[in-house]
Amino acid sequence: MQNSQTWTLDRTNPALSQQLISQLSYQIENTIYLQHPIFVRYSDQAHIAWADFGNLTNQQLVLVDEVNIISQHQDPTNNWTLLTDELHYDADNGIIQGPGQITFQRTTLQQTGRGYVYNLNLEHLTIKHEASTYYESTQTP
């Protein structure tokens, strides 16, 4: 068991920096189990995710229990947050997805539902079930 560990995912793409940090980790066969993992992905915007637990198997990351992910852009109106119970990260395709409840928030938009796929490269969200959207319009005087 280790107190802290850092992994770099996808070293072949120099334009994309990805780091996974965990306070406590242990390994059983090909799976590394993580406590309070933090995942950072940076290209032209920053994505930061954290959760209570996670695991890493063959460079496939899964975060579980109170998963939070934020996206920070140069234009703050494009920033967003995503809250869910489970997140699977496909590093090869830049996709996060999960089967559980999701809350997605942007400056004037909130979407909720169950089951989701988010393409980080295209900034595109698909909610599979029970989708609900609330849009707050901004009126100028």
N, C-alpha and C. Protein backbone atom coordinates (compact mmCIF):
# COMPACT_ATOMS: atom_id res chain seq x y z
N MET A 1 0.85 -1.16 0.00
CA MET A 1 0.00 0.00 0.00
C MET A 1 0.89 1.23 0.00
N GLN A 2 0.45 2.27 -0.74
CA GLN A 2 1.23 3.48 -0.86
C GLN A 2 0.43 4.66 -0.33
N ASN A 3 1.13 5.68 0.19
CA ASN A 3 0.47 6.87 0.69
C ASN A 3 0.02 7.80 -0.43
N SER A 4 0.81 7.89 -1.49
CA SER A 4 0.47 8.77 -2.60
C SER A 4 1.10 8.23 -3.87
N GLN A 5 0.40 8.42 -4.97
CA GLN A 5 0.91 7.92 -6.25
C GLN A 5 0.39 8.83 -7.35
N THR A 6 1.20 9.02 -8.39
CA THR A 6 0.80 9.79 -9.57
C THR A 6 1.04 8.94 -10.80
N TRP A 7 0.07 8.92 -11.70
CA TRP A 7 0.20 8.20 -12.96
C TRP A 7 0.00 9.17 -14.11
N THR A 8 0.68 8.96 -15.21
CA THR A 8 0.47 9.73 -16.42
C THR A 8 -0.22 8.82 -17.42
N LEU A 9 -1.37 9.27 -17.94
CA LEU A 9 -2.11 8.50 -18.92
C LEU A 9 -1.80 9.03 -20.32
N ASP A 10 -1.63 8.15 -21.28
CA ASP A 10 -1.42 8.49 -22.69
C ASP A 10 -0.21 9.40 -22.89
N ARG A 11 0.95 8.87 -22.70
CA ARG A 11 2.18 9.63 -22.88
C ARG A 11 2.48 9.92 -24.34
N THR A 12 1.75 9.31 -25.28
CA THR A 12 2.03 9.47 -26.71
C THR A 12 1.48 10.76 -27.29
N ASN A 13 0.63 11.48 -26.57
CA ASN A 13 0.03 12.71 -27.08
C ASN A 13 0.56 13.90 -26.29
N PRO A 14 1.59 14.61 -26.82
CA PRO A 14 2.20 15.71 -26.05
C PRO A 14 1.29 16.93 -25.90
N ALA A 15 0.25 17.06 -26.74
CA ALA A 15 -0.65 18.21 -26.65
C ALA A 15 -1.69 18.03 -25.54
N LEU A 16 -1.75 16.83 -24.97
CA LEU A 16 -2.74 16.52 -23.96
C LEU A 16 -2.03 16.02 -22.70
N SER A 17 -2.20 16.74 -21.62
CA SER A 17 -1.60 16.34 -20.36
C SER A 17 -2.68 15.70 -19.48
N GLN A 18 -2.41 14.51 -18.96
CA GLN A 18 -3.36 13.81 -18.10
C GLN A 18 -2.62 13.25 -16.90
N GLN A 19 -3.10 13.60 -15.72
CA GLN A 19 -2.47 13.12 -14.50
C GLN A 19 -3.55 12.55 -13.57
N LEU A 20 -3.21 11.48 -12.90
CA LEU A 20 -4.08 10.86 -11.91
C LEU A 20 -3.32 10.81 -10.61
N ILE A 21 -3.92 11.35 -9.55
CA ILE A 21 -3.27 11.42 -8.24
C ILE A 21 -4.20 10.77 -7.23
N SER A 22 -3.63 9.96 -6.34
CA SER A 22 -4.44 9.32 -5.31
C SER A 22 -3.70 9.37 -3.99
N GLN A 23 -4.44 9.65 -2.91
CA GLN A 23 -3.84 9.69 -1.57
C GLN A 23 -3.40 8.31 -1.12
N LEU A 24 -4.17 7.30 -1.45
CA LEU A 24 -3.90 5.95 -0.98
C LEU A 24 -4.22 4.99 -2.11
N SER A 25 -3.36 4.04 -2.37
CA SER A 25 -3.63 3.09 -3.44
C SER A 25 -3.06 1.72 -3.08
N TYR A 26 -3.70 0.70 -3.64
CA TYR A 26 -3.17 -0.65 -3.53
C TYR A 26 -3.53 -1.39 -4.80
N GLN A 27 -2.81 -2.45 -5.08
CA GLN A 27 -2.98 -3.16 -6.34
C GLN A 27 -3.28 -4.62 -6.08
N ILE A 28 -4.28 -5.15 -6.82
CA ILE A 28 -4.59 -6.57 -6.84
C ILE A 28 -4.63 -6.98 -8.31
N GLU A 29 -3.71 -7.84 -8.69
CA GLU A 29 -3.54 -8.27 -10.09
C GLU A 29 -3.35 -7.04 -10.96
N ASN A 30 -4.21 -6.82 -12.00
CA ASN A 30 -4.03 -5.70 -12.93
C ASN A 30 -4.79 -4.44 -12.53
N THR A 31 -5.42 -4.43 -11.37
CA THR A 31 -6.24 -3.29 -10.96
C THR A 31 -5.61 -2.56 -9.79
N ILE A 32 -5.50 -1.24 -9.94
CA ILE A 32 -5.03 -0.37 -8.87
C ILE A 32 -6.26 0.31 -8.27
N TYR A 33 -6.48 0.16 -6.98
CA TYR A 33 -7.62 0.74 -6.29
C TYR A 33 -7.19 2.06 -5.66
N LEU A 34 -8.05 3.06 -5.77
CA LEU A 34 -7.71 4.42 -5.39
C LEU A 34 -8.67 4.97 -4.33
N GLN A 35 -8.14 5.70 -3.38
CA GLN A 35 -8.97 6.39 -2.41
C GLN A 35 -8.79 7.89 -2.64
N HIS A 36 -9.89 8.61 -2.76
CA HIS A 36 -9.93 10.05 -3.01
C HIS A 36 -9.05 10.43 -4.22
N PRO A 37 -9.29 9.78 -5.37
CA PRO A 37 -8.49 10.11 -6.55
C PRO A 37 -8.86 11.48 -7.12
N ILE A 38 -7.86 12.11 -7.73
CA ILE A 38 -8.04 13.37 -8.44
C ILE A 38 -7.46 13.15 -9.84
N PHE A 39 -8.24 13.48 -10.85
CA PHE A 39 -7.82 13.32 -12.23
C PHE A 39 -7.80 14.68 -12.89
N VAL A 40 -6.71 15.02 -13.57
CA VAL A 40 -6.58 16.30 -14.27
C VAL A 40 -6.25 16.01 -15.72
N ARG A 41 -7.02 16.61 -16.62
CA ARG A 41 -6.80 16.49 -18.07
C ARG A 41 -6.73 17.90 -18.62
N TYR A 42 -5.63 18.24 -19.30
CA TYR A 42 -5.47 19.59 -19.79
C TYR A 42 -5.05 19.56 -21.25
N SER A 43 -5.83 20.24 -22.08
CA SER A 43 -5.44 20.51 -23.47
C SER A 43 -5.68 22.00 -23.69
N ASP A 44 -6.72 22.38 -24.43
CA ASP A 44 -7.03 23.80 -24.55
C ASP A 44 -7.97 24.26 -23.43
N GLN A 45 -8.51 23.33 -22.66
CA GLN A 45 -9.26 23.62 -21.45
C GLN A 45 -8.84 22.61 -20.38
N ALA A 46 -9.16 22.92 -19.15
CA ALA A 46 -8.80 22.02 -18.05
C ALA A 46 -10.04 21.28 -17.57
N HIS A 47 -9.90 19.96 -17.37
CA HIS A 47 -10.94 19.14 -16.76
C HIS A 47 -10.35 18.55 -15.48
N ILE A 48 -11.04 18.74 -14.38
CA ILE A 48 -10.57 18.23 -13.10
C ILE A 48 -11.70 17.40 -12.50
N ALA A 49 -11.39 16.15 -12.15
CA ALA A 49 -12.40 15.26 -11.58
C ALA A 49 -11.89 14.71 -10.26
N TRP A 50 -12.82 14.50 -9.33
CA TRP A 50 -12.46 13.87 -8.06
C TRP A 50 -13.64 13.05 -7.58
N ALA A 51 -13.34 12.08 -6.72
CA ALA A 51 -14.36 11.18 -6.20
C ALA A 51 -13.87 10.58 -4.89
N ASP A 52 -14.75 9.81 -4.25
CA ASP A 52 -14.35 9.13 -3.02
C ASP A 52 -13.45 7.94 -3.31
N PHE A 53 -13.77 7.20 -4.38
CA PHE A 53 -13.01 5.99 -4.71
C PHE A 53 -12.85 5.87 -6.21
N GLY A 54 -11.96 5.00 -6.63
CA GLY A 54 -11.77 4.74 -8.04
C GLY A 54 -10.90 3.53 -8.25
N ASN A 55 -10.74 3.16 -9.51
CA ASN A 55 -9.79 2.11 -9.86
C ASN A 55 -9.26 2.36 -11.26
N LEU A 56 -8.10 1.81 -11.51
CA LEU A 56 -7.41 1.94 -12.78
C LEU A 56 -7.01 0.55 -13.23
N THR A 57 -7.57 0.12 -14.36
CA THR A 57 -7.25 -1.19 -14.92
C THR A 57 -6.86 -1.01 -16.37
N ASN A 58 -5.64 -1.39 -16.73
CA ASN A 58 -5.16 -1.26 -18.11
C ASN A 58 -5.42 0.13 -18.68
N GLN A 59 -5.06 1.15 -17.93
CA GLN A 59 -5.20 2.55 -18.32
C GLN A 59 -6.65 3.00 -18.48
N GLN A 60 -7.62 2.22 -18.01
CA GLN A 60 -9.04 2.61 -18.01
C GLN A 60 -9.40 3.05 -16.59
N LEU A 61 -9.83 4.29 -16.45
CA LEU A 61 -10.12 4.88 -15.15
C LEU A 61 -11.61 4.83 -14.86
N VAL A 62 -11.96 4.41 -13.64
CA VAL A 62 -13.34 4.44 -13.15
C VAL A 62 -13.34 5.18 -11.82
N LEU A 63 -14.20 6.20 -11.70
CA LEU A 63 -14.37 6.93 -10.46
C LEU A 63 -15.77 6.64 -9.94
N VAL A 64 -15.91 6.43 -8.62
CA VAL A 64 -17.22 6.11 -8.04
C VAL A 64 -17.42 6.88 -6.73
N ASP A 65 -18.68 7.05 -6.38
CA ASP A 65 -19.11 7.71 -5.13
C ASP A 65 -18.80 9.20 -5.14
N GLU A 66 -19.85 9.98 -5.30
CA GLU A 66 -19.77 11.43 -5.29
C GLU A 66 -18.71 11.97 -6.24
N VAL A 67 -18.90 11.65 -7.52
CA VAL A 67 -17.96 12.08 -8.56
C VAL A 67 -18.30 13.51 -8.98
N ASN A 68 -17.29 14.34 -9.01
CA ASN A 68 -17.41 15.73 -9.46
C ASN A 68 -16.40 15.94 -10.58
N ILE A 69 -16.83 16.62 -11.63
CA ILE A 69 -15.89 17.03 -12.67
C ILE A 69 -16.21 18.46 -13.06
N ILE A 70 -15.18 19.27 -13.18
CA ILE A 70 -15.36 20.65 -13.62
C ILE A 70 -14.52 20.86 -14.87
N SER A 71 -14.99 21.76 -15.71
CA SER A 71 -14.27 22.13 -16.91
C SER A 71 -14.03 23.63 -16.87
N GLN A 72 -12.80 24.03 -17.01
CA GLN A 72 -12.41 25.44 -16.98
C GLN A 72 -11.91 25.84 -18.37
N HIS A 73 -12.53 26.86 -18.96
CA HIS A 73 -12.17 27.36 -20.28
C HIS A 73 -11.59 28.77 -20.17
N GLN A 74 -10.97 29.22 -21.24
CA GLN A 74 -10.49 30.60 -21.26
C GLN A 74 -11.66 31.57 -21.19
N ASP A 75 -12.79 31.22 -21.81
CA ASP A 75 -14.01 31.99 -21.72
C ASP A 75 -14.85 31.40 -20.60
N PRO A 76 -14.98 32.08 -19.46
CA PRO A 76 -15.68 31.52 -18.30
C PRO A 76 -17.15 31.15 -18.56
N THR A 77 -17.77 31.73 -19.58
CA THR A 77 -19.17 31.37 -19.87
C THR A 77 -19.28 29.94 -20.40
N ASN A 78 -18.17 29.34 -20.80
CA ASN A 78 -18.16 27.95 -21.28
C ASN A 78 -17.83 26.94 -20.18
N ASN A 79 -17.54 27.41 -18.96
CA ASN A 79 -17.23 26.51 -17.86
C ASN A 79 -18.46 25.67 -17.50
N TRP A 80 -18.23 24.44 -17.03
CA TRP A 80 -19.34 23.59 -16.62
C TRP A 80 -18.92 22.67 -15.50
N THR A 81 -19.93 22.10 -14.81
CA THR A 81 -19.71 21.08 -13.79
C THR A 81 -20.61 19.90 -14.08
N LEU A 82 -20.16 18.73 -13.68
CA LEU A 82 -20.93 17.50 -13.84
C LEU A 82 -20.83 16.72 -12.53
N LEU A 83 -21.98 16.33 -11.99
CA LEU A 83 -22.04 15.55 -10.76
C LEU A 83 -22.70 14.21 -11.07
N THR A 84 -22.13 13.11 -10.57
CA THR A 84 -22.68 11.79 -10.83
C THR A 84 -22.17 10.81 -9.78
N ASP A 85 -22.66 9.58 -9.84
CA ASP A 85 -22.21 8.54 -8.91
C ASP A 85 -21.10 7.68 -9.48
N GLU A 86 -20.98 7.65 -10.81
CA GLU A 86 -20.00 6.76 -11.44
C GLU A 86 -19.54 7.35 -12.76
N LEU A 87 -18.23 7.33 -12.99
CA LEU A 87 -17.65 7.89 -14.20
C LEU A 87 -16.63 6.90 -14.75
N HIS A 88 -16.76 6.55 -16.02
CA HIS A 88 -15.79 5.73 -16.74
C HIS A 88 -15.10 6.64 -17.75
N TYR A 89 -13.77 6.66 -17.73
CA TYR A 89 -13.01 7.53 -18.63
C TYR A 89 -12.29 6.70 -19.67
N ASP A 90 -12.58 6.98 -20.94
CA ASP A 90 -11.91 6.36 -22.08
C ASP A 90 -10.85 7.34 -22.56
N ALA A 91 -9.61 7.13 -22.15
CA ALA A 91 -8.53 8.06 -22.47
C ALA A 91 -8.23 8.10 -23.96
N ASP A 92 -8.41 6.99 -24.66
CA ASP A 92 -8.12 6.95 -26.09
C ASP A 92 -9.04 7.86 -26.90
N ASN A 93 -10.31 7.98 -26.49
CA ASN A 93 -11.29 8.75 -27.25
C ASN A 93 -11.75 10.03 -26.55
N GLY A 94 -11.27 10.30 -25.34
CA GLY A 94 -11.65 11.50 -24.62
C GLY A 94 -13.12 11.51 -24.24
N ILE A 95 -13.63 10.34 -23.82
CA ILE A 95 -15.05 10.21 -23.49
C ILE A 95 -15.20 9.81 -22.03
N ILE A 96 -16.13 10.49 -21.34
CA ILE A 96 -16.54 10.06 -20.00
C ILE A 96 -17.98 9.58 -20.11
N GLN A 97 -18.33 8.56 -19.35
CA GLN A 97 -19.69 8.04 -19.39
C GLN A 97 -20.02 7.32 -18.11
N GLY A 98 -21.30 7.11 -17.89
CA GLY A 98 -21.72 6.40 -16.69
C GLY A 98 -23.19 6.04 -16.77
N PRO A 99 -23.61 5.05 -15.97
CA PRO A 99 -24.99 4.58 -16.00
C PRO A 99 -25.92 5.32 -15.04
N GLY A 100 -25.38 6.06 -14.10
CA GLY A 100 -26.19 6.62 -13.01
C GLY A 100 -26.77 7.99 -13.27
N GLN A 101 -27.27 8.58 -12.19
CA GLN A 101 -27.84 9.92 -12.24
C GLN A 101 -26.75 10.93 -12.57
N ILE A 102 -27.16 11.99 -13.27
CA ILE A 102 -26.22 13.04 -13.66
C ILE A 102 -26.89 14.40 -13.47
N THR A 103 -26.10 15.36 -13.04
CA THR A 103 -26.49 16.76 -13.06
C THR A 103 -25.37 17.51 -13.77
N PHE A 104 -25.73 18.20 -14.84
CA PHE A 104 -24.78 18.96 -15.65
C PHE A 104 -25.19 20.42 -15.58
N GLN A 105 -24.24 21.31 -15.23
CA GLN A 105 -24.56 22.73 -15.10
C GLN A 105 -23.58 23.59 -15.87
N ARG A 106 -24.15 24.54 -16.59
CA ARG A 106 -23.41 25.59 -17.26
C ARG A 106 -23.98 26.91 -16.78
N THR A 107 -23.46 28.02 -17.19
CA THR A 107 -23.87 29.33 -16.69
C THR A 107 -25.39 29.50 -16.64
N THR A 108 -26.09 29.24 -17.72
CA THR A 108 -27.54 29.46 -17.76
C THR A 108 -28.31 28.17 -18.06
N LEU A 109 -27.67 27.02 -17.88
CA LEU A 109 -28.27 25.75 -18.26
C LEU A 109 -28.05 24.71 -17.18
N GLN A 110 -29.10 23.92 -16.88
CA GLN A 110 -28.95 22.76 -16.02
C GLN A 110 -29.68 21.60 -16.66
N GLN A 111 -28.99 20.45 -16.76
CA GLN A 111 -29.59 19.24 -17.31
C GLN A 111 -29.41 18.12 -16.29
N THR A 112 -30.46 17.30 -16.16
CA THR A 112 -30.39 16.14 -15.28
C THR A 112 -30.91 14.94 -16.03
N GLY A 113 -30.58 13.75 -15.53
CA GLY A 113 -31.06 12.53 -16.14
C GLY A 113 -30.31 11.33 -15.59
N ARG A 114 -30.40 10.24 -16.36
CA ARG A 114 -29.75 8.99 -15.94
C ARG A 114 -29.08 8.37 -17.15
N GLY A 115 -27.83 7.99 -16.99
CA GLY A 115 -27.04 7.44 -18.09
C GLY A 115 -26.56 8.56 -18.99
N TYR A 116 -25.26 8.66 -19.19
CA TYR A 116 -24.73 9.78 -19.97
C TYR A 116 -23.46 9.37 -20.70
N VAL A 117 -23.17 10.12 -21.76
CA VAL A 117 -21.91 10.05 -22.50
C VAL A 117 -21.51 11.48 -22.79
N TYR A 118 -20.28 11.85 -22.42
CA TYR A 118 -19.79 13.21 -22.69
C TYR A 118 -18.47 13.10 -23.43
N ASN A 119 -18.42 13.68 -24.62
CA ASN A 119 -17.20 13.72 -25.41
C ASN A 119 -16.44 14.98 -25.03
N LEU A 120 -15.31 14.82 -24.34
CA LEU A 120 -14.53 15.97 -23.88
C LEU A 120 -13.90 16.73 -25.03
N ASN A 121 -13.59 16.05 -26.12
CA ASN A 121 -12.97 16.71 -27.26
C ASN A 121 -13.96 17.59 -28.02
N LEU A 122 -15.19 17.12 -28.15
CA LEU A 122 -16.21 17.86 -28.89
C LEU A 122 -17.10 18.71 -27.99
N GLU A 123 -16.97 18.56 -26.66
CA GLU A 123 -17.83 19.24 -25.69
C GLU A 123 -19.30 18.92 -25.98
N HIS A 124 -19.61 17.63 -26.10
CA HIS A 124 -20.97 17.20 -26.44
C HIS A 124 -21.48 16.20 -25.41
N LEU A 125 -22.66 16.48 -24.83
CA LEU A 125 -23.28 15.63 -23.82
C LEU A 125 -24.51 14.95 -24.39
N THR A 126 -24.64 13.65 -24.13
CA THR A 126 -25.85 12.90 -24.42
C THR A 126 -26.35 12.30 -23.12
N ILE A 127 -27.59 12.62 -22.75
CA ILE A 127 -28.24 12.00 -21.59
C ILE A 127 -29.20 10.96 -22.13
N LYS A 128 -29.07 9.72 -21.66
CA LYS A 128 -29.80 8.61 -22.27
C LYS A 128 -31.22 8.44 -21.76
N HIS A 129 -31.50 8.70 -20.48
CA HIS A 129 -32.81 8.43 -19.90
C HIS A 129 -33.24 9.57 -18.98
N GLU A 130 -34.55 9.79 -18.91
CA GLU A 130 -35.14 10.74 -17.97
C GLU A 130 -34.49 12.12 -18.05
N ALA A 131 -34.19 12.57 -19.26
CA ALA A 131 -33.52 13.85 -19.45
C ALA A 131 -34.46 15.02 -19.15
N SER A 132 -33.93 15.99 -18.44
CA SER A 132 -34.67 17.19 -18.11
C SER A 132 -33.71 18.37 -18.27
N THR A 133 -34.21 19.44 -18.89
CA THR A 133 -33.37 20.61 -19.13
C THR A 133 -34.05 21.85 -18.59
N TYR A 134 -33.30 22.65 -17.87
CA TYR A 134 -33.76 23.93 -17.37
C TYR A 134 -32.83 24.98 -17.94
N TYR A 135 -33.39 25.93 -18.66
CA TYR A 135 -32.60 27.00 -19.27
C TYR A 135 -33.05 28.33 -18.68
N GLU A 136 -32.11 29.08 -18.15
CA GLU A 136 -32.39 30.39 -17.58
C GLU A 136 -32.03 31.44 -18.61
N SER A 137 -33.05 32.11 -19.14
CA SER A 137 -32.77 33.12 -20.15
C SER A 137 -32.25 34.38 -19.49
N THR A 138 -31.43 35.08 -20.21
CA THR A 138 -30.93 36.36 -19.73
C THR A 138 -31.53 37.44 -20.59
N GLN A 139 -32.20 38.36 -19.95
CA GLN A 139 -32.83 39.46 -20.67
C GLN A 139 -32.03 40.72 -20.45
N THR A 140 -31.87 41.47 -21.51
CA THR A 140 -31.19 42.74 -21.40
C THR A 140 -32.22 43.85 -21.43
N PRO A 141 -32.05 44.85 -20.58
CA PRO A 141 -33.05 45.94 -20.53
C PRO A 141 -33.02 46.81 -21.76
